[in-house]
Amino acid sequence: IFTTDETWVHYYIPETKVSSKEWRKKEEGAPVKAKKTWSAGKVMCTVFWDRQGVLYVDFLRTQRTINALYYSNLLKTHVKPAYRSKRRSIPARSAILLQDNARLTLDTISKLGWKVLEHPPYSPDLSPCDYHMFGPLKEALGGQKFNTDDEVEGFVRTWLSELPKEFFDTGIKKLPERWTKCINIEGNYLEKM
């Protein structure tokens, strides 16, 4: 199984209240902090990964969103070659992709010889990117300031490359338990796991 999802990466994401806390003496009082907002500059980041690590990362610039035609082309021209290159011991025809399913995308996936793991659309509880990867990524981005798309891409690529293999393995291994819990609660969102 390999999975994918996308997220916006902003040029600036303020630190969370928890990450910006500091130890102070009672008599010093709380520090005065200006309210910080997210920046307007952003890049759409799409990550394809499996238990062994990242297969491919795509960055869509110029404030566009991903449509089925763009995504299908991405699968054919970038993801399939990356999969073949990085997972030589695993036949491409045995690949199972966990992702949201647009009709054109499903046709492309079928032509590539991959299977799709069926799941309800817009299911963050069943997307390893949502429940396992993007939270820590956003946490790492907290307080960072970027001026260009290249800086954003460089940071994300470095962050992903420094993750241990166990991180990816754990994210995929959580899927069966999450899947079972979603079925048991009839598709309602999971609060915490």
N, C-alpha and C. Protein backbone atom coordinates (compact mmCIF):
# COMPACT_ATOMS: atom_id res chain seq x y z
N ILE A 1 0.85 -1.18 0.00
CA ILE A 1 0.00 0.00 0.00
C ILE A 1 0.89 1.24 0.00
N PHE A 2 0.56 2.18 -0.88
CA PHE A 2 1.15 3.50 -0.75
C PHE A 2 0.01 4.51 -0.76
N THR A 3 0.26 5.67 -0.21
CA THR A 3 -0.80 6.64 0.02
C THR A 3 -0.35 8.02 -0.43
N THR A 4 -1.30 8.90 -0.55
CA THR A 4 -1.01 10.27 -0.94
C THR A 4 -2.10 11.20 -0.45
N ASP A 5 -1.73 12.43 -0.28
CA ASP A 5 -2.67 13.51 0.00
C ASP A 5 -1.91 14.81 -0.18
N GLU A 6 -2.66 15.90 -0.18
CA GLU A 6 -2.01 17.19 -0.35
C GLU A 6 -2.36 18.11 0.80
N THR A 7 -1.50 19.11 0.99
CA THR A 7 -1.71 20.12 2.02
C THR A 7 -1.09 21.43 1.55
N TRP A 8 -1.67 22.53 1.97
CA TRP A 8 -1.06 23.83 1.71
C TRP A 8 0.07 24.05 2.70
N VAL A 9 1.20 24.53 2.21
CA VAL A 9 2.31 24.93 3.07
C VAL A 9 2.48 26.43 2.90
N HIS A 10 2.23 27.18 3.96
CA HIS A 10 2.28 28.64 3.92
C HIS A 10 3.70 29.15 4.14
N TYR A 11 3.96 30.34 3.60
CA TYR A 11 5.26 30.98 3.80
C TYR A 11 5.51 31.25 5.29
N TYR A 12 4.44 31.43 6.03
CA TYR A 12 4.59 31.64 7.47
C TYR A 12 3.41 31.02 8.20
N ILE A 13 3.71 30.16 9.16
CA ILE A 13 2.70 29.58 10.04
C ILE A 13 3.10 29.97 11.45
N PRO A 14 2.26 30.72 12.15
CA PRO A 14 2.62 31.11 13.51
C PRO A 14 2.81 29.89 14.40
N GLU A 15 3.65 30.06 15.41
CA GLU A 15 3.82 28.98 16.39
C GLU A 15 2.50 28.77 17.11
N THR A 16 2.25 27.54 17.53
CA THR A 16 1.06 27.27 18.33
C THR A 16 1.27 27.85 19.72
N LYS A 17 0.20 28.02 20.46
CA LYS A 17 0.32 28.55 21.82
C LYS A 17 1.23 27.67 22.67
N VAL A 18 1.11 26.36 22.48
CA VAL A 18 1.92 25.44 23.27
C VAL A 18 3.40 25.58 22.93
N SER A 19 3.71 25.62 21.63
CA SER A 19 5.13 25.66 21.24
C SER A 19 5.78 27.00 21.54
N SER A 20 4.99 28.07 21.72
CA SER A 20 5.59 29.37 22.00
C SER A 20 5.64 29.69 23.49
N LYS A 21 5.21 28.76 24.35
CA LYS A 21 5.25 29.00 25.79
C LYS A 21 6.69 29.06 26.29
N GLU A 22 6.89 29.83 27.32
CA GLU A 22 8.21 29.90 27.94
C GLU A 22 8.06 29.94 29.46
N TRP A 23 9.07 29.43 30.15
CA TRP A 23 9.05 29.44 31.61
C TRP A 23 9.41 30.84 32.10
N ARG A 24 8.60 31.36 33.03
CA ARG A 24 8.87 32.67 33.62
C ARG A 24 8.52 32.61 35.10
N LYS A 25 9.13 33.51 35.85
CA LYS A 25 8.79 33.62 37.27
C LYS A 25 7.43 34.28 37.40
N LYS A 26 6.70 33.96 38.49
CA LYS A 26 5.37 34.51 38.69
C LYS A 26 5.36 36.03 38.63
N GLU A 27 6.35 36.64 39.27
CA GLU A 27 6.38 38.11 39.34
C GLU A 27 6.67 38.77 37.99
N GLU A 28 7.15 37.99 37.03
CA GLU A 28 7.44 38.56 35.70
C GLU A 28 6.18 38.70 34.85
N GLY A 29 5.14 37.94 35.16
CA GLY A 29 3.91 38.01 34.37
C GLY A 29 4.07 37.37 33.01
N ALA A 30 2.98 37.35 32.30
CA ALA A 30 2.99 36.74 30.96
C ALA A 30 3.59 37.71 29.95
N PRO A 31 4.32 37.19 28.98
CA PRO A 31 4.90 38.08 27.96
C PRO A 31 3.80 38.62 27.03
N VAL A 32 4.02 39.82 26.53
CA VAL A 32 3.09 40.41 25.58
C VAL A 32 3.47 39.90 24.19
N LYS A 33 2.48 39.36 23.50
CA LYS A 33 2.74 38.81 22.17
C LYS A 33 1.75 39.41 21.18
N ALA A 34 2.27 39.79 20.04
CA ALA A 34 1.40 40.29 18.98
C ALA A 34 0.65 39.11 18.36
N LYS A 35 -0.57 39.37 17.95
CA LYS A 35 -1.32 38.32 17.27
C LYS A 35 -0.71 38.12 15.89
N LYS A 36 -0.39 36.88 15.57
CA LYS A 36 0.23 36.57 14.29
C LYS A 36 -0.74 35.78 13.44
N THR A 37 -0.74 36.08 12.16
CA THR A 37 -1.62 35.38 11.23
C THR A 37 -0.80 34.66 10.18
N TRP A 38 -1.41 33.68 9.55
CA TRP A 38 -0.75 32.92 8.49
C TRP A 38 -0.50 33.85 7.31
N SER A 39 0.55 33.59 6.56
CA SER A 39 0.86 34.42 5.40
C SER A 39 -0.02 34.04 4.22
N ALA A 40 -0.08 34.96 3.24
CA ALA A 40 -0.86 34.70 2.03
C ALA A 40 -0.09 33.79 1.07
N GLY A 41 1.24 33.86 1.08
CA GLY A 41 2.04 33.01 0.19
C GLY A 41 1.94 31.56 0.61
N LYS A 42 1.71 30.68 -0.37
CA LYS A 42 1.59 29.27 -0.03
C LYS A 42 1.87 28.42 -1.26
N VAL A 43 2.20 27.15 -1.00
CA VAL A 43 2.49 26.18 -2.05
C VAL A 43 1.71 24.91 -1.71
N MET A 44 1.10 24.29 -2.72
CA MET A 44 0.40 23.02 -2.52
C MET A 44 1.43 21.89 -2.59
N CYS A 45 1.51 21.12 -1.51
CA CYS A 45 2.47 20.02 -1.42
C CYS A 45 1.70 18.70 -1.44
N THR A 46 2.07 17.81 -2.35
CA THR A 46 1.47 16.47 -2.43
C THR A 46 2.57 15.45 -2.16
N VAL A 47 2.33 14.58 -1.19
CA VAL A 47 3.33 13.58 -0.80
C VAL A 47 2.79 12.19 -1.10
N PHE A 48 3.59 11.38 -1.78
CA PHE A 48 3.30 9.97 -2.03
C PHE A 48 4.28 9.17 -1.20
N TRP A 49 3.78 8.25 -0.36
CA TRP A 49 4.68 7.49 0.51
C TRP A 49 4.09 6.14 0.87
N ASP A 50 4.98 5.28 1.36
CA ASP A 50 4.58 3.95 1.82
C ASP A 50 5.33 3.64 3.11
N ARG A 51 5.32 2.37 3.52
CA ARG A 51 5.96 1.97 4.78
C ARG A 51 7.46 2.23 4.80
N GLN A 52 8.08 2.27 3.62
CA GLN A 52 9.53 2.43 3.55
C GLN A 52 9.97 3.89 3.48
N GLY A 53 9.06 4.79 3.12
CA GLY A 53 9.44 6.20 3.03
C GLY A 53 8.74 6.92 1.90
N VAL A 54 9.28 8.09 1.57
CA VAL A 54 8.70 8.95 0.54
C VAL A 54 9.02 8.39 -0.84
N LEU A 55 8.00 8.31 -1.67
CA LEU A 55 8.17 7.90 -3.07
C LEU A 55 8.35 9.12 -3.97
N TYR A 56 7.52 10.13 -3.75
CA TYR A 56 7.59 11.32 -4.59
C TYR A 56 6.90 12.48 -3.87
N VAL A 57 7.43 13.69 -4.06
CA VAL A 57 6.82 14.90 -3.51
C VAL A 57 6.62 15.87 -4.66
N ASP A 58 5.43 16.43 -4.76
CA ASP A 58 5.12 17.40 -5.80
C ASP A 58 4.74 18.72 -5.15
N PHE A 59 5.19 19.81 -5.75
CA PHE A 59 4.83 21.14 -5.28
C PHE A 59 4.15 21.88 -6.42
N LEU A 60 2.93 22.29 -6.20
CA LEU A 60 2.17 23.03 -7.20
C LEU A 60 2.22 24.50 -6.81
N ARG A 61 2.82 25.30 -7.66
CA ARG A 61 3.02 26.72 -7.35
C ARG A 61 1.90 27.57 -7.93
N THR A 62 2.01 28.83 -7.74
CA THR A 62 1.12 29.87 -8.29
C THR A 62 -0.32 29.72 -7.84
N GLN A 63 -0.53 29.34 -6.61
CA GLN A 63 -1.85 29.36 -5.97
C GLN A 63 -2.91 28.55 -6.72
N ARG A 64 -2.50 27.59 -7.51
CA ARG A 64 -3.47 26.73 -8.21
C ARG A 64 -3.87 25.58 -7.31
N THR A 65 -4.91 24.90 -7.72
CA THR A 65 -5.29 23.67 -7.02
C THR A 65 -5.13 22.50 -7.99
N ILE A 66 -5.11 21.32 -7.44
CA ILE A 66 -4.90 20.12 -8.25
C ILE A 66 -6.23 19.69 -8.85
N ASN A 67 -6.25 19.49 -10.16
CA ASN A 67 -7.44 18.93 -10.80
C ASN A 67 -7.10 17.53 -11.31
N ALA A 68 -8.10 16.83 -11.80
CA ALA A 68 -7.92 15.42 -12.20
C ALA A 68 -6.91 15.28 -13.33
N LEU A 69 -6.91 16.20 -14.28
CA LEU A 69 -5.98 16.12 -15.41
C LEU A 69 -4.53 16.29 -14.94
N TYR A 70 -4.31 17.30 -14.09
CA TYR A 70 -2.96 17.52 -13.55
C TYR A 70 -2.51 16.29 -12.76
N TYR A 71 -3.39 15.78 -11.92
CA TYR A 71 -3.06 14.66 -11.05
C TYR A 71 -2.77 13.39 -11.85
N SER A 72 -3.59 13.13 -12.87
CA SER A 72 -3.36 11.95 -13.71
C SER A 72 -2.01 12.03 -14.41
N ASN A 73 -1.67 13.21 -14.91
CA ASN A 73 -0.37 13.41 -15.55
C ASN A 73 0.76 13.22 -14.54
N LEU A 74 0.57 13.70 -13.33
CA LEU A 74 1.56 13.54 -12.26
C LEU A 74 1.80 12.05 -11.98
N LEU A 75 0.72 11.28 -11.91
CA LEU A 75 0.85 9.84 -11.66
C LEU A 75 1.65 9.16 -12.77
N LYS A 76 1.32 9.48 -14.02
CA LYS A 76 1.97 8.83 -15.16
C LYS A 76 3.44 9.23 -15.32
N THR A 77 3.71 10.53 -15.22
CA THR A 77 5.05 11.02 -15.57
C THR A 77 6.04 11.08 -14.41
N HIS A 78 5.54 11.09 -13.18
CA HIS A 78 6.46 11.24 -12.05
C HIS A 78 6.34 10.12 -11.01
N VAL A 79 5.11 9.83 -10.59
CA VAL A 79 4.93 8.87 -9.50
C VAL A 79 5.26 7.44 -9.94
N LYS A 80 4.77 7.02 -11.09
CA LYS A 80 5.07 5.66 -11.55
C LYS A 80 6.57 5.44 -11.72
N PRO A 81 7.32 6.36 -12.39
CA PRO A 81 8.77 6.16 -12.48
C PRO A 81 9.45 6.17 -11.10
N ALA A 82 8.98 7.02 -10.19
CA ALA A 82 9.57 7.06 -8.85
C ALA A 82 9.31 5.75 -8.12
N TYR A 83 8.10 5.21 -8.26
CA TYR A 83 7.76 3.94 -7.62
C TYR A 83 8.66 2.82 -8.16
N ARG A 84 8.79 2.76 -9.48
CA ARG A 84 9.63 1.72 -10.09
C ARG A 84 11.08 1.84 -9.65
N SER A 85 11.57 3.07 -9.53
CA SER A 85 12.96 3.30 -9.15
C SER A 85 13.23 2.97 -7.68
N LYS A 86 12.30 3.33 -6.81
CA LYS A 86 12.53 3.17 -5.37
C LYS A 86 12.04 1.85 -4.81
N ARG A 87 11.16 1.16 -5.52
CA ARG A 87 10.61 -0.10 -5.02
C ARG A 87 10.80 -1.19 -6.07
N ARG A 88 12.02 -1.37 -6.50
CA ARG A 88 12.35 -2.33 -7.56
C ARG A 88 11.93 -3.75 -7.22
N SER A 89 11.97 -4.12 -5.94
CA SER A 89 11.65 -5.50 -5.54
C SER A 89 10.14 -5.75 -5.47
N ILE A 90 9.33 -4.69 -5.60
CA ILE A 90 7.88 -4.84 -5.53
C ILE A 90 7.30 -4.58 -6.92
N PRO A 91 6.65 -5.58 -7.51
CA PRO A 91 6.07 -5.37 -8.84
C PRO A 91 5.05 -4.22 -8.83
N ALA A 92 5.17 -3.32 -9.80
CA ALA A 92 4.26 -2.17 -9.87
C ALA A 92 2.80 -2.61 -9.95
N ARG A 93 2.55 -3.75 -10.57
CA ARG A 93 1.17 -4.24 -10.71
C ARG A 93 0.56 -4.66 -9.37
N SER A 94 1.39 -4.87 -8.35
CA SER A 94 0.85 -5.25 -7.04
C SER A 94 0.61 -4.04 -6.15
N ALA A 95 0.89 -2.84 -6.66
CA ALA A 95 0.71 -1.62 -5.86
C ALA A 95 -0.76 -1.34 -5.60
N ILE A 96 -1.06 -0.93 -4.38
CA ILE A 96 -2.41 -0.52 -3.99
C ILE A 96 -2.29 0.91 -3.48
N LEU A 97 -3.08 1.81 -4.06
CA LEU A 97 -3.01 3.22 -3.73
C LEU A 97 -4.21 3.63 -2.89
N LEU A 98 -3.93 4.29 -1.76
CA LEU A 98 -4.98 4.85 -0.91
C LEU A 98 -5.02 6.34 -1.17
N GLN A 99 -6.10 6.81 -1.80
CA GLN A 99 -6.24 8.22 -2.15
C GLN A 99 -7.69 8.53 -2.44
N ASP A 100 -8.03 9.83 -2.56
CA ASP A 100 -9.38 10.20 -2.97
C ASP A 100 -9.56 9.87 -4.44
N ASN A 101 -10.78 9.61 -4.85
CA ASN A 101 -11.01 8.98 -6.15
C ASN A 101 -11.86 9.81 -7.11
N ALA A 102 -11.22 10.55 -8.01
CA ALA A 102 -11.94 11.20 -9.11
C ALA A 102 -11.98 10.21 -10.29
N ARG A 103 -13.01 10.30 -11.11
CA ARG A 103 -13.20 9.35 -12.21
C ARG A 103 -11.98 9.28 -13.15
N LEU A 104 -11.48 10.43 -13.61
CA LEU A 104 -10.33 10.44 -14.51
C LEU A 104 -9.11 9.83 -13.83
N THR A 105 -8.96 10.11 -12.56
CA THR A 105 -7.85 9.56 -11.80
C THR A 105 -7.94 8.04 -11.72
N LEU A 106 -9.13 7.53 -11.47
CA LEU A 106 -9.31 6.07 -11.39
C LEU A 106 -8.97 5.39 -12.71
N ASP A 107 -9.33 6.04 -13.82
CA ASP A 107 -8.99 5.49 -15.13
C ASP A 107 -7.47 5.43 -15.31
N THR A 108 -6.79 6.49 -14.92
CA THR A 108 -5.33 6.53 -15.03
C THR A 108 -4.69 5.46 -14.16
N ILE A 109 -5.16 5.32 -12.94
CA ILE A 109 -4.61 4.32 -12.01
C ILE A 109 -4.80 2.92 -12.58
N SER A 110 -5.95 2.67 -13.17
CA SER A 110 -6.21 1.37 -13.78
C SER A 110 -5.24 1.11 -14.94
N LYS A 111 -5.00 2.13 -15.76
CA LYS A 111 -4.06 1.98 -16.89
C LYS A 111 -2.63 1.75 -16.40
N LEU A 112 -2.30 2.29 -15.23
CA LEU A 112 -0.96 2.08 -14.67
C LEU A 112 -0.82 0.69 -14.05
N GLY A 113 -1.94 -0.03 -13.92
CA GLY A 113 -1.90 -1.38 -13.36
C GLY A 113 -2.00 -1.42 -11.85
N TRP A 114 -2.33 -0.28 -11.24
CA TRP A 114 -2.45 -0.23 -9.78
C TRP A 114 -3.89 -0.48 -9.37
N LYS A 115 -4.06 -0.89 -8.13
CA LYS A 115 -5.39 -1.03 -7.55
C LYS A 115 -5.61 0.15 -6.61
N VAL A 116 -6.87 0.45 -6.35
CA VAL A 116 -7.22 1.53 -5.42
C VAL A 116 -7.86 0.90 -4.20
N LEU A 117 -7.42 1.29 -3.02
CA LEU A 117 -8.04 0.84 -1.79
C LEU A 117 -9.30 1.69 -1.59
N GLU A 118 -10.45 1.07 -1.75
CA GLU A 118 -11.72 1.79 -1.65
C GLU A 118 -11.93 2.30 -0.23
N HIS A 119 -12.40 3.54 -0.14
CA HIS A 119 -12.73 4.13 1.15
C HIS A 119 -13.66 5.31 0.91
N PRO A 120 -14.37 5.77 1.94
CA PRO A 120 -15.27 6.91 1.75
C PRO A 120 -14.46 8.16 1.39
N PRO A 121 -15.02 9.04 0.54
CA PRO A 121 -14.30 10.26 0.19
C PRO A 121 -14.15 11.18 1.40
N TYR A 122 -13.12 12.01 1.35
CA TYR A 122 -12.85 13.00 2.40
C TYR A 122 -12.86 12.35 3.78
N SER A 123 -12.02 11.36 3.94
CA SER A 123 -11.95 10.61 5.20
C SER A 123 -10.60 10.83 5.88
N PRO A 124 -10.43 11.94 6.58
CA PRO A 124 -9.14 12.18 7.22
C PRO A 124 -8.77 11.11 8.25
N ASP A 125 -9.79 10.44 8.80
CA ASP A 125 -9.51 9.36 9.76
C ASP A 125 -8.82 8.18 9.09
N LEU A 126 -8.98 8.05 7.77
CA LEU A 126 -8.41 6.91 7.06
C LEU A 126 -7.27 7.32 6.13
N SER A 127 -6.84 8.56 6.20
CA SER A 127 -5.74 9.03 5.37
C SER A 127 -4.48 9.14 6.23
N PRO A 128 -3.50 8.26 6.01
CA PRO A 128 -2.28 8.34 6.80
C PRO A 128 -1.61 9.72 6.74
N CYS A 129 -1.77 10.41 5.62
CA CYS A 129 -1.22 11.76 5.53
C CYS A 129 -1.88 12.66 6.57
N ASP A 130 -3.20 12.58 6.68
CA ASP A 130 -3.92 13.43 7.62
C ASP A 130 -3.70 13.03 9.07
N TYR A 131 -3.82 11.74 9.38
CA TYR A 131 -3.73 11.36 10.78
C TYR A 131 -2.30 11.15 11.27
N HIS A 132 -1.32 11.09 10.37
CA HIS A 132 0.04 10.78 10.82
C HIS A 132 1.11 11.77 10.36
N MET A 133 1.03 12.27 9.13
CA MET A 133 2.14 13.06 8.60
C MET A 133 1.96 14.57 8.69
N PHE A 134 0.80 15.09 8.30
CA PHE A 134 0.68 16.53 8.16
C PHE A 134 0.69 17.28 9.49
N GLY A 135 0.23 16.66 10.58
CA GLY A 135 0.31 17.31 11.89
C GLY A 135 1.75 17.61 12.29
N PRO A 136 2.63 16.60 12.29
CA PRO A 136 4.04 16.87 12.61
C PRO A 136 4.71 17.83 11.62
N LEU A 137 4.32 17.78 10.36
CA LEU A 137 4.88 18.73 9.38
C LEU A 137 4.49 20.15 9.74
N LYS A 138 3.21 20.38 10.02
CA LYS A 138 2.75 21.73 10.37
C LYS A 138 3.41 22.20 11.67
N GLU A 139 3.62 21.27 12.59
CA GLU A 139 4.31 21.62 13.83
C GLU A 139 5.74 22.07 13.54
N ALA A 140 6.43 21.36 12.66
CA ALA A 140 7.80 21.73 12.29
C ALA A 140 7.83 23.06 11.55
N LEU A 141 6.77 23.38 10.82
CA LEU A 141 6.70 24.64 10.08
C LEU A 141 6.37 25.83 10.98
N GLY A 142 5.81 25.55 12.18
CA GLY A 142 5.40 26.61 13.08
C GLY A 142 6.54 27.57 13.40
N GLY A 143 6.33 28.85 13.13
CA GLY A 143 7.33 29.87 13.41
C GLY A 143 8.34 30.08 12.30
N GLN A 144 8.36 29.19 11.31
CA GLN A 144 9.29 29.34 10.18
C GLN A 144 8.77 30.44 9.26
N LYS A 145 9.69 31.19 8.66
CA LYS A 145 9.31 32.22 7.69
C LYS A 145 10.05 31.96 6.39
N PHE A 146 9.29 31.94 5.30
CA PHE A 146 9.87 31.71 3.98
C PHE A 146 9.53 32.90 3.09
N ASN A 147 10.40 33.17 2.14
CA ASN A 147 10.18 34.27 1.20
C ASN A 147 9.87 33.78 -0.21
N THR A 148 10.22 32.54 -0.50
CA THR A 148 10.02 32.02 -1.86
C THR A 148 9.49 30.60 -1.82
N ASP A 149 8.94 30.17 -2.95
CA ASP A 149 8.48 28.79 -3.08
C ASP A 149 9.65 27.82 -2.90
N ASP A 150 10.82 28.20 -3.42
CA ASP A 150 12.00 27.33 -3.30
C ASP A 150 12.38 27.08 -1.85
N GLU A 151 12.25 28.10 -1.00
CA GLU A 151 12.55 27.93 0.42
C GLU A 151 11.57 26.96 1.07
N VAL A 152 10.29 27.09 0.73
CA VAL A 152 9.27 26.18 1.26
C VAL A 152 9.59 24.75 0.84
N GLU A 153 9.83 24.56 -0.45
CA GLU A 153 10.13 23.22 -0.97
C GLU A 153 11.37 22.63 -0.30
N GLY A 154 12.40 23.44 -0.16
CA GLY A 154 13.64 22.96 0.47
C GLY A 154 13.40 22.50 1.89
N PHE A 155 12.64 23.28 2.66
CA PHE A 155 12.35 22.91 4.05
C PHE A 155 11.58 21.60 4.11
N VAL A 156 10.52 21.49 3.31
CA VAL A 156 9.68 20.29 3.34
C VAL A 156 10.47 19.06 2.90
N ARG A 157 11.24 19.18 1.83
CA ARG A 157 12.04 18.05 1.36
C ARG A 157 13.05 17.61 2.42
N THR A 158 13.70 18.57 3.07
CA THR A 158 14.67 18.24 4.13
C THR A 158 13.96 17.56 5.29
N TRP A 159 12.83 18.12 5.71
CA TRP A 159 12.08 17.54 6.83
C TRP A 159 11.69 16.09 6.52
N LEU A 160 11.16 15.87 5.32
CA LEU A 160 10.77 14.51 4.93
C LEU A 160 11.97 13.56 4.88
N SER A 161 13.09 14.04 4.36
CA SER A 161 14.27 13.17 4.21
C SER A 161 14.88 12.80 5.55
N GLU A 162 14.63 13.61 6.58
CA GLU A 162 15.21 13.33 7.90
C GLU A 162 14.32 12.45 8.77
N LEU A 163 13.12 12.14 8.30
CA LEU A 163 12.24 11.25 9.08
C LEU A 163 12.79 9.83 9.04
N PRO A 164 12.78 9.15 10.18
CA PRO A 164 13.25 7.76 10.17
C PRO A 164 12.24 6.85 9.45
N LYS A 165 12.73 5.75 8.93
CA LYS A 165 11.88 4.79 8.22
C LYS A 165 10.72 4.33 9.12
N GLU A 166 10.96 4.22 10.42
CA GLU A 166 9.93 3.78 11.36
C GLU A 166 8.72 4.71 11.36
N PHE A 167 8.95 6.00 11.11
CA PHE A 167 7.84 6.96 11.06
C PHE A 167 6.82 6.53 10.00
N PHE A 168 7.30 6.21 8.82
CA PHE A 168 6.43 5.81 7.71
C PHE A 168 5.76 4.47 7.99
N ASP A 169 6.53 3.53 8.51
CA ASP A 169 6.02 2.21 8.83
C ASP A 169 4.88 2.31 9.85
N THR A 170 5.08 3.12 10.88
CA THR A 170 4.06 3.30 11.92
C THR A 170 2.78 3.89 11.33
N GLY A 171 2.91 4.88 10.45
CA GLY A 171 1.74 5.51 9.86
C GLY A 171 0.88 4.55 9.07
N ILE A 172 1.51 3.69 8.29
CA ILE A 172 0.76 2.71 7.49
C ILE A 172 0.21 1.61 8.39
N LYS A 173 0.97 1.19 9.40
CA LYS A 173 0.51 0.12 10.29
C LYS A 173 -0.70 0.53 11.13
N LYS A 174 -0.92 1.83 11.33
CA LYS A 174 -2.09 2.30 12.08
C LYS A 174 -3.38 2.14 11.28
N LEU A 175 -3.26 2.02 9.97
CA LEU A 175 -4.44 2.02 9.10
C LEU A 175 -5.44 0.90 9.41
N PRO A 176 -5.05 -0.37 9.55
CA PRO A 176 -6.06 -1.41 9.83
C PRO A 176 -6.88 -1.14 11.10
N GLU A 177 -6.22 -0.71 12.16
CA GLU A 177 -6.94 -0.42 13.41
C GLU A 177 -7.91 0.74 13.22
N ARG A 178 -7.46 1.79 12.54
CA ARG A 178 -8.32 2.95 12.30
C ARG A 178 -9.50 2.56 11.41
N TRP A 179 -9.22 1.73 10.41
CA TRP A 179 -10.26 1.26 9.49
C TRP A 179 -11.34 0.51 10.27
N THR A 180 -10.91 -0.42 11.12
CA THR A 180 -11.84 -1.20 11.94
C THR A 180 -12.67 -0.30 12.85
N LYS A 181 -12.03 0.66 13.50
CA LYS A 181 -12.77 1.57 14.39
C LYS A 181 -13.78 2.40 13.62
N CYS A 182 -13.43 2.87 12.43
CA CYS A 182 -14.38 3.64 11.61
C CYS A 182 -15.60 2.79 11.25
N ILE A 183 -15.36 1.54 10.90
CA ILE A 183 -16.47 0.64 10.57
C ILE A 183 -17.33 0.41 11.81
N ASN A 184 -16.70 0.19 12.95
CA ASN A 184 -17.44 -0.07 14.19
C ASN A 184 -18.29 1.11 14.63
N ILE A 185 -17.86 2.33 14.32
CA ILE A 185 -18.66 3.50 14.70
C ILE A 185 -19.44 4.05 13.50
N GLU A 186 -19.61 3.19 12.50
CA GLU A 186 -20.44 3.45 11.32
C GLU A 186 -20.04 4.71 10.57
N GLY A 187 -18.73 4.91 10.43
CA GLY A 187 -18.23 6.01 9.60
C GLY A 187 -18.12 7.35 10.28
N ASN A 188 -18.50 7.45 11.55
CA ASN A 188 -18.34 8.72 12.25
C ASN A 188 -16.86 9.00 12.47
N TYR A 189 -16.54 10.28 12.67
CA TYR A 189 -15.14 10.64 12.87
C TYR A 189 -14.62 10.11 14.19
N LEU A 190 -13.37 9.69 14.17
CA LEU A 190 -12.71 9.24 15.39
C LEU A 190 -12.21 10.47 16.13
N GLU A 191 -12.44 10.54 17.41
CA GLU A 191 -11.96 11.68 18.19
C GLU A 191 -10.46 11.58 18.41
N LYS A 192 -10.03 10.54 19.08
CA LYS A 192 -8.61 10.34 19.34
C LYS A 192 -8.32 8.86 19.31
N MET A 193 -7.10 8.54 18.89
CA MET A 193 -6.72 7.13 18.85
C MET A 193 -5.40 6.96 19.54
